[in-house]
């Protein structure tokens, strides 16, 4: 069993109280309307839940990825869509912290950590999903500027963000394919930036997901994040940290579904007795709870290792894949235990089943995670 410190327990408790008190009542309405209430983000900022892994000198709490994982878990326990909408506002701060210049850290991090601005990361394109190296968005040098043109899709905060970290091709003639890319910060109020919202998603419906078009968007060379030609490697390092967030969503989603299942089988009667009296049901609940606890221990342990500077890509991939798989399995069993009532939104379990699926897809599909693990174990 992984033991949290008293401070970490307090953070987890505070996040749960926030989720129970502020998210629970409005969650299903936001899911139905496919809309996010920005007041929840503002409240999260007031409580200090944004980018807690950023150093205090840049507006963060100076904590770690474990504390961030605790917050993600507790928010997703109520609703993964809201959790994603809140945490995605600082999606990319991990990379600015890692490779940003001092000027970039001072400029962007305090306003994001303080809830004064939102950001995001633009990687995926219509023909480049898991194969990040196949992106086509170009950033051509023009004097002291870059001119960016191309299209991105499935971009979180495409319509909300004040700026995005964009993966572009800057060195198309580089001999090594992976040396062709760079990461550039692009403010969304620049001429040529266009975004549209993707609607009617299966999962995280209140979270903004959109398509972005860069029509010759001009940005100064000072917006280059890290070194030119290192963009692909930058994004891989970013994903090694952001996957912990996805794993946190997985554990929280699974926990929420488990609690719904326990509550239902205690109340629901079949053949004159509560479902909870059935040995088959008891076995299912036992299996679900064990899976959740194993995923939680995995998440906490891996997050703590990252905080100690132990960046093991294989273990991180295992953690994200396993937590996502547990979310899918547990939410599926929770819905099954509800029987026909499970497909009714009023019973408040179907959304866990819907939200769980996307966790197996974003931040690296389960197939990609398994490839990372397999290749490293086999030395390939």
Protein backbone atom coordinates (compact mmCIF):
# COMPACT_ATOMS: atom_id res chain seq x y z
CA UNK A 1 0.00 0.00 0.00
CA UNK A 2 1.36 3.43 -1.00
CA UNK A 3 1.28 5.81 1.96
CA UNK A 4 0.49 9.50 1.39
CA UNK A 5 1.88 12.22 3.59
CA UNK A 6 -0.49 14.23 5.79
CA UNK A 7 -0.20 17.17 3.38
CA UNK A 8 -1.05 14.96 0.40
CA UNK A 9 -4.05 13.55 2.27
CA UNK A 10 -5.23 17.10 2.92
CA UNK A 11 -4.89 17.96 -0.78
CA UNK A 12 -6.85 14.86 -1.76
CA UNK A 13 -9.54 15.71 0.79
CA UNK A 14 -9.78 19.32 -0.40
CA UNK A 15 -10.10 18.19 -4.02
CA UNK A 16 -12.86 15.75 -3.05
CA UNK A 17 -14.74 18.43 -1.14
CA UNK A 18 -14.49 20.78 -4.12
CA UNK A 19 -15.72 18.06 -6.48
CA UNK A 20 -18.57 17.04 -4.21
CA UNK A 21 -19.60 20.59 -3.43
CA UNK A 22 -19.14 22.36 -6.76
CA UNK A 23 -19.06 19.76 -9.55
CA UNK A 24 -21.61 17.15 -8.58
CA UNK A 25 -24.75 19.22 -8.87
CA UNK A 26 -23.94 20.70 -12.28
CA UNK A 27 -21.99 17.87 -13.92
CA UNK A 28 -24.80 16.14 -15.80
CA UNK A 29 -26.26 19.43 -17.03
CA UNK A 30 -22.91 20.47 -18.50
CA UNK A 31 -22.53 17.04 -20.12
CA UNK A 32 -25.96 17.35 -21.73
CA UNK A 33 -25.35 20.91 -22.95
CA UNK A 34 -21.80 20.07 -24.09
CA UNK A 35 -20.70 23.23 -22.37
CA UNK A 36 -18.30 24.08 -19.54
CA UNK A 37 -18.99 26.61 -16.79
CA UNK A 38 -15.86 28.76 -16.49
CA UNK A 39 -16.76 29.58 -12.89
CA UNK A 40 -15.59 26.08 -11.95
CA UNK A 41 -12.16 26.83 -13.45
CA UNK A 42 -12.05 30.14 -11.57
CA UNK A 43 -12.94 28.39 -8.32
CA UNK A 44 -10.27 25.73 -8.93
CA UNK A 45 -7.75 28.54 -9.43
CA UNK A 46 -8.80 30.17 -6.15
CA UNK A 47 -8.28 26.88 -4.34
CA UNK A 48 -4.81 26.47 -5.87
CA UNK A 49 -5.56 23.35 -7.92
CA UNK A 50 -4.03 24.58 -11.19
CA UNK A 51 -0.58 23.26 -12.21
CA UNK A 52 0.49 22.50 -8.65
CA UNK A 53 3.75 21.02 -10.00
CA UNK A 54 4.96 24.45 -11.15
CA UNK A 55 7.48 26.19 -8.88
CA UNK A 56 6.21 28.91 -6.58
CA UNK A 57 8.37 31.55 -8.26
CA UNK A 58 6.26 31.07 -11.40
CA UNK A 59 2.90 31.09 -9.63
CA UNK A 60 2.52 27.38 -8.90
CA UNK A 61 2.26 25.57 -5.58
CA UNK A 62 5.74 24.07 -5.80
CA UNK A 63 4.39 20.56 -5.26
CA UNK A 64 4.70 17.53 -7.53
CA UNK A 65 3.02 15.29 -10.05
CA UNK A 66 1.74 13.05 -7.27
CA UNK A 67 -0.28 15.91 -5.81
CA UNK A 68 -1.55 16.68 -9.31
CA UNK A 69 -2.55 13.04 -9.77
CA UNK A 70 -4.54 13.17 -6.52
CA UNK A 71 -6.46 16.19 -7.76
CA UNK A 72 -7.15 14.60 -11.16
CA UNK A 73 -8.43 11.45 -9.48
CA UNK A 74 -10.85 13.26 -7.19
CA UNK A 75 -12.27 15.52 -9.90
CA UNK A 76 -12.75 12.62 -12.33
CA UNK A 77 -14.48 10.61 -9.59
CA UNK A 78 -17.39 13.00 -10.12
CA UNK A 79 -16.97 13.83 -13.81
CA UNK A 80 -14.04 13.29 -16.16
CA UNK A 81 -15.29 15.97 -18.57
CA UNK A 82 -15.16 18.67 -15.92
CA UNK A 83 -11.85 17.35 -14.62
CA UNK A 84 -10.42 17.55 -18.13
CA UNK A 85 -11.86 21.04 -18.69
CA UNK A 86 -10.14 22.33 -15.55
CA UNK A 87 -6.77 20.61 -15.87
CA UNK A 88 -6.50 21.21 -19.61
CA UNK A 89 -6.23 24.95 -18.99
CA UNK A 90 -2.61 24.35 -17.96
CA UNK A 91 -2.00 21.53 -20.44
CA UNK A 92 1.53 22.23 -21.66
CA UNK A 93 2.90 24.00 -18.60
CA UNK A 94 4.87 20.80 -18.06
CA UNK A 95 6.81 21.54 -21.24
CA UNK A 96 7.34 25.24 -20.51
CA UNK A 97 8.68 24.25 -17.09
CA UNK A 98 10.98 21.72 -18.68
CA UNK A 99 12.49 23.60 -21.62
CA UNK A 100 11.11 27.14 -21.65
CA UNK A 101 13.41 30.16 -21.45
CA UNK A 102 13.30 32.24 -18.29
CA UNK A 103 11.40 34.91 -20.20
CA UNK A 104 8.80 32.39 -21.36
CA UNK A 105 8.38 31.00 -17.86
CA UNK A 106 7.87 34.47 -16.42
CA UNK A 107 5.49 35.46 -19.20
CA UNK A 108 3.20 32.44 -19.44
CA UNK A 109 3.29 30.35 -16.27
CA UNK A 110 2.05 32.84 -13.63
CA UNK A 111 -1.06 33.80 -15.57
CA UNK A 112 -1.95 30.18 -16.29
CA UNK A 113 -1.33 29.01 -12.72
CA UNK A 114 -3.32 31.97 -11.41
CA UNK A 115 -6.36 31.32 -13.58
CA UNK A 116 -5.83 34.40 -15.73
CA UNK A 117 -5.19 32.56 -19.01
CA UNK A 118 -5.78 29.15 -20.57
CA UNK A 119 -3.50 27.16 -22.84
CA UNK A 120 -3.29 23.89 -24.72
CA UNK A 121 -1.09 21.76 -26.96
CA UNK A 122 -1.73 21.27 -30.69
CA UNK A 123 -0.21 18.05 -32.02
CA UNK A 124 -2.80 15.85 -33.75
CA UNK A 125 -3.72 16.40 -37.41
CA UNK A 126 -6.33 14.79 -39.68
CA UNK A 127 -3.70 12.38 -41.05
CA UNK A 128 -1.38 12.26 -38.03
CA UNK A 129 -2.70 10.78 -34.81
CA UNK A 130 -0.57 8.17 -33.07
CA UNK A 131 2.14 8.76 -35.68
CA UNK A 132 3.20 12.18 -34.42
CA UNK A 133 6.08 12.35 -36.89
CA UNK A 134 3.63 12.51 -39.81
CA UNK A 135 2.33 16.01 -39.06
CA UNK A 136 2.38 18.50 -41.94
CA UNK A 137 1.85 21.89 -40.29
CA UNK A 138 4.69 24.13 -41.47
CA UNK A 139 6.47 27.02 -39.78
CA UNK A 140 8.58 28.92 -42.30
CA UNK A 141 11.09 31.54 -41.25
CA UNK A 142 10.48 35.06 -42.50
CA UNK A 143 12.98 37.50 -41.10
CA UNK A 144 12.55 37.55 -37.33
CA UNK A 145 9.26 35.63 -37.48
CA UNK A 146 7.78 32.23 -38.19
CA UNK A 147 4.77 31.96 -40.51
CA UNK A 148 2.65 28.95 -39.58
CA UNK A 149 0.23 27.18 -41.91
CA UNK A 150 -1.64 23.92 -41.48
CA UNK A 151 -4.50 22.14 -39.75
CA UNK A 152 -4.87 20.46 -36.38
CA UNK A 153 -7.75 18.38 -35.05
CA UNK A 154 -8.93 16.97 -31.70
CA UNK A 155 -7.31 19.95 -30.02
CA UNK A 156 -8.37 20.55 -26.44
CA UNK A 157 -9.20 24.21 -25.76
CA UNK A 158 -9.08 25.12 -29.45
CA UNK A 159 -11.83 27.65 -28.74
CA UNK A 160 -10.90 28.51 -25.13
CA UNK A 161 -7.13 28.86 -25.07
CA UNK A 162 -5.26 32.15 -25.02
CA UNK A 163 -2.26 30.36 -26.51
CA UNK A 164 -1.25 26.91 -27.73
CA UNK A 165 2.04 25.06 -27.98
CA UNK A 166 2.05 23.95 -31.62
CA UNK A 167 4.15 21.16 -33.10
CA UNK A 168 5.36 22.28 -36.55
CA UNK A 169 7.85 21.36 -39.25
CA UNK A 170 10.67 23.92 -39.25
CA UNK A 171 13.50 21.88 -40.77
CA UNK A 172 11.95 19.88 -43.64
CA UNK A 173 15.36 19.00 -45.12
CA UNK A 174 16.79 17.47 -41.95
CA UNK A 175 18.26 14.03 -42.61
CA UNK A 176 16.66 12.49 -39.53
CA UNK A 177 12.89 12.61 -39.73
CA UNK A 178 12.57 13.38 -36.04
CA UNK A 179 14.82 16.42 -36.35
CA UNK A 180 12.38 18.26 -38.63
CA UNK A 181 10.05 19.51 -35.93
CA UNK A 182 9.88 22.36 -33.44
CA UNK A 183 7.45 23.51 -30.76
CA UNK A 184 6.22 27.09 -31.03
CA UNK A 185 3.93 29.08 -28.75
CA UNK A 186 1.06 30.62 -30.72
CA UNK A 187 -1.34 33.16 -29.23
CA UNK A 188 -4.87 32.48 -30.49
CA UNK A 189 -5.67 36.17 -31.05
CA UNK A 190 -3.15 36.38 -33.89
CA UNK A 191 -4.52 37.02 -37.39
CA UNK A 192 -5.03 33.79 -39.31
CA UNK A 193 -5.94 31.61 -36.33
CA UNK A 194 -9.32 29.90 -36.75
CA UNK A 195 -11.01 27.28 -34.57
CA UNK A 196 -14.29 25.37 -34.62
CA UNK A 197 -15.82 23.12 -31.99
CA UNK A 198 -16.35 19.37 -32.42
CA UNK A 199 -19.77 18.41 -31.09
CA UNK A 200 -21.65 15.26 -30.08
CA UNK A 201 -18.67 13.38 -28.69
CA UNK A 202 -19.13 10.09 -26.84
CA UNK A 203 -16.90 11.14 -23.95
CA UNK A 204 -15.98 14.25 -21.91
CA UNK A 205 -18.74 16.15 -23.66
CA UNK A 206 -18.40 19.41 -21.71
CA UNK A 207 -14.68 19.66 -22.53
CA UNK A 208 -13.86 21.83 -25.54
CA UNK A 209 -12.41 19.83 -28.41
CA UNK A 210 -11.91 21.52 -31.75
CA UNK A 211 -10.31 21.81 -35.14
CA UNK A 212 -7.73 24.52 -35.74
CA UNK A 213 -6.56 26.15 -38.94
CA UNK A 214 -3.40 28.25 -39.14
CA UNK A 215 -3.70 30.57 -42.12
CA UNK A 216 -0.21 32.06 -42.34
CA UNK A 217 -0.14 32.93 -38.66
CA UNK A 218 2.87 35.09 -37.93
CA UNK A 219 4.68 34.69 -34.58
CA UNK A 220 8.03 36.10 -33.45
CA UNK A 221 11.08 33.85 -33.15
CA UNK A 222 10.98 34.45 -29.38
CA UNK A 223 7.96 32.12 -29.32
CA UNK A 224 10.10 29.13 -30.24
CA UNK A 225 9.88 26.77 -27.25
CA UNK A 226 13.15 24.96 -26.72
CA UNK A 227 15.60 24.47 -29.56
CA UNK A 228 14.69 24.32 -33.23
CA UNK A 229 14.61 20.76 -34.50
CA UNK A 230 13.88 19.32 -31.06
CA UNK A 231 10.10 19.54 -31.19
CA UNK A 232 9.40 15.83 -31.55
CA UNK A 233 11.59 15.02 -28.57
CA UNK A 234 9.98 17.85 -26.60
CA UNK A 235 6.53 16.41 -27.19
CA UNK A 236 7.62 12.93 -26.14
CA UNK A 237 8.93 14.33 -22.85
CA UNK A 238 5.69 16.24 -22.39
CA UNK A 239 3.60 13.11 -22.96
CA UNK A 240 5.62 11.25 -20.36
CA UNK A 241 4.25 13.71 -17.82
CA UNK A 242 0.77 14.33 -19.20
CA UNK A 243 0.07 10.58 -19.27
CA UNK A 244 0.04 10.64 -15.48
CA UNK A 245 -2.89 13.06 -15.70
CA UNK A 246 -4.76 10.64 -17.95
CA UNK A 247 -4.01 7.83 -15.51
CA UNK A 248 -5.44 9.97 -12.72
CA UNK A 249 -8.61 10.39 -14.74
CA UNK A 250 -8.73 6.61 -15.18
CA UNK A 251 -8.47 5.89 -11.47
CA UNK A 252 -11.04 8.55 -10.61
CA UNK A 253 -13.49 7.38 -13.26
CA UNK A 254 -13.16 3.78 -12.07
CA UNK A 255 -13.65 4.80 -8.44
CA UNK A 256 -16.76 6.79 -9.26
CA UNK A 257 -18.26 3.91 -11.23
CA UNK A 258 -17.45 1.45 -8.45
CA UNK A 259 -19.23 3.61 -5.88
CA UNK A 260 -22.30 3.85 -8.11
CA UNK A 261 -22.35 0.07 -8.47
CA UNK A 262 -22.03 -0.53 -4.71
CA UNK A 263 -24.82 1.93 -3.96
CA UNK A 264 -27.11 0.36 -6.56
CA UNK A 265 -26.69 -3.29 -5.57
CA UNK A 266 -27.32 -2.40 -1.93
CA UNK A 267 -30.66 -0.84 -2.81
CA UNK A 268 -31.87 -2.95 -5.75
CA UNK A 269 -33.83 -6.12 -5.02
CA UNK A 270 -34.18 -9.19 -7.23
CA UNK A 271 -35.96 -12.43 -6.32
CA UNK A 272 -36.95 -10.93 -2.98
CA UNK A 273 -33.46 -10.04 -1.79
CA UNK A 274 -30.92 -7.21 -2.31
CA UNK A 275 -28.53 -7.75 -5.19
CA UNK A 276 -25.75 -7.30 -2.65
CA UNK A 277 -26.68 -10.69 -1.13
CA UNK A 278 -25.80 -12.48 -4.38
CA UNK A 279 -22.41 -14.27 -4.34
CA UNK A 280 -22.00 -13.44 -8.03
CA UNK A 281 -22.49 -9.74 -7.34
CA UNK A 282 -20.16 -9.86 -4.35
CA UNK A 283 -17.48 -11.44 -6.52
CA UNK A 284 -17.89 -8.77 -9.20
CA UNK A 285 -17.63 -5.96 -6.65
CA UNK A 286 -14.53 -7.57 -5.14
CA UNK A 287 -12.86 -7.80 -8.54
CA UNK A 288 -13.75 -4.21 -9.41
CA UNK A 289 -12.45 -2.85 -6.11
CA UNK A 290 -9.20 -4.79 -6.44
CA UNK A 291 -8.60 -3.44 -9.93
CA UNK A 292 -9.21 0.13 -8.77
CA UNK A 293 -6.88 -0.20 -5.80
CA UNK A 294 -4.14 -1.72 -7.95
CA UNK A 295 -4.43 1.10 -10.49
CA UNK A 296 -4.36 3.68 -7.70
CA UNK A 297 -1.19 2.23 -6.16
CA UNK A 298 0.41 2.13 -9.60
CA UNK A 299 -0.53 5.76 -10.24
CA UNK A 300 0.76 7.03 -6.89
CA UNK A 301 3.99 5.05 -7.11
CA UNK A 302 4.79 6.17 -10.65
CA UNK A 303 3.93 9.81 -9.89
CA UNK A 304 6.25 9.73 -6.89
CA UNK A 305 9.03 8.27 -9.03
CA UNK A 306 8.64 11.09 -11.55
CA UNK A 307 8.82 13.60 -8.70
CA UNK A 308 12.13 12.00 -7.70
CA UNK A 309 13.41 12.49 -11.24
CA UNK A 310 13.04 8.84 -12.26
CA UNK A 311 11.65 9.22 -15.80
CA UNK A 312 10.99 5.61 -16.77
CA UNK A 313 8.99 5.77 -20.02
CA UNK A 314 8.10 2.10 -19.77
CA UNK A 315 6.58 2.41 -16.28
CA UNK A 316 4.71 5.60 -17.22
CA UNK A 317 3.22 3.86 -20.27
CA UNK A 318 2.22 0.89 -18.10
CA UNK A 319 0.55 3.18 -15.59
CA UNK A 320 -1.50 5.07 -18.16
CA UNK A 321 -2.53 1.95 -20.09
CA UNK A 322 -3.47 0.01 -16.97
CA UNK A 323 -5.43 2.85 -15.35
CA UNK A 324 -7.36 3.41 -18.59
CA UNK A 325 -8.12 -0.30 -18.96
CA UNK A 326 -9.32 -0.48 -15.37
CA UNK A 327 -11.61 2.50 -15.97
CA UNK A 328 -13.16 0.75 -18.97
CA UNK A 329 -13.55 -2.62 -17.22
CA UNK A 330 -14.93 -1.25 -13.96
CA UNK A 331 -17.35 1.19 -15.58
CA UNK A 332 -18.57 -1.58 -17.89
CA UNK A 333 -19.22 -3.89 -14.92
CA UNK A 334 -20.89 -1.04 -13.02
CA UNK A 335 -23.28 -0.45 -15.88
CA UNK A 336 -23.90 -4.20 -16.19
CA UNK A 337 -24.79 -4.44 -12.51
CA UNK A 338 -27.41 -1.76 -13.02
CA UNK A 339 -29.11 -3.92 -15.66
CA UNK A 340 -31.51 -1.99 -17.88
CA UNK A 341 -31.33 0.99 -15.56
CA UNK A 342 -27.68 1.40 -16.45
CA UNK A 343 -28.45 2.90 -19.83
CA UNK A 344 -30.68 5.58 -18.30
CA UNK A 345 -28.82 8.81 -17.64
CA UNK A 346 -30.87 9.47 -14.51
CA UNK A 347 -29.11 6.54 -12.81
CA UNK A 348 -25.84 8.42 -13.24
CA UNK A 349 -23.61 5.51 -14.23
CA UNK A 350 -23.68 5.59 -18.05
CA UNK A 351 -21.46 8.68 -18.20
CA UNK A 352 -18.64 6.81 -16.44
CA UNK A 353 -18.83 4.15 -19.15
CA UNK A 354 -18.76 6.81 -21.89
CA UNK A 355 -15.94 8.83 -20.36
CA UNK A 356 -13.76 5.80 -19.65
CA UNK A 357 -13.32 4.99 -23.32
CA UNK A 358 -11.54 8.19 -24.28
CA UNK A 359 -8.91 7.58 -21.61
CA UNK A 360 -7.74 4.60 -23.67
CA UNK A 361 -7.31 6.93 -26.65
CA UNK A 362 -5.90 10.32 -25.67
CA UNK A 363 -2.31 10.91 -24.51
CA UNK A 364 -1.33 7.83 -26.48
CA UNK A 365 -3.67 4.99 -27.38
CA UNK A 366 -3.45 1.73 -25.46
CA UNK A 367 -1.77 0.19 -28.50
CA UNK A 368 0.93 2.88 -28.47
CA UNK A 369 1.48 2.41 -24.73
CA UNK A 370 1.93 -1.33 -25.24
CA UNK A 371 4.41 -0.71 -28.07
CA UNK A 372 6.47 1.54 -25.82
CA UNK A 373 6.51 -1.13 -23.13
CA UNK A 374 7.25 -4.01 -25.49
CA UNK A 375 10.04 -2.24 -27.37
CA UNK A 376 11.81 -1.23 -24.18
CA UNK A 377 11.55 -4.67 -22.64
CA UNK A 378 12.86 -6.29 -25.82
CA UNK A 379 15.53 -3.67 -26.47
CA UNK A 380 14.02 -2.60 -29.79
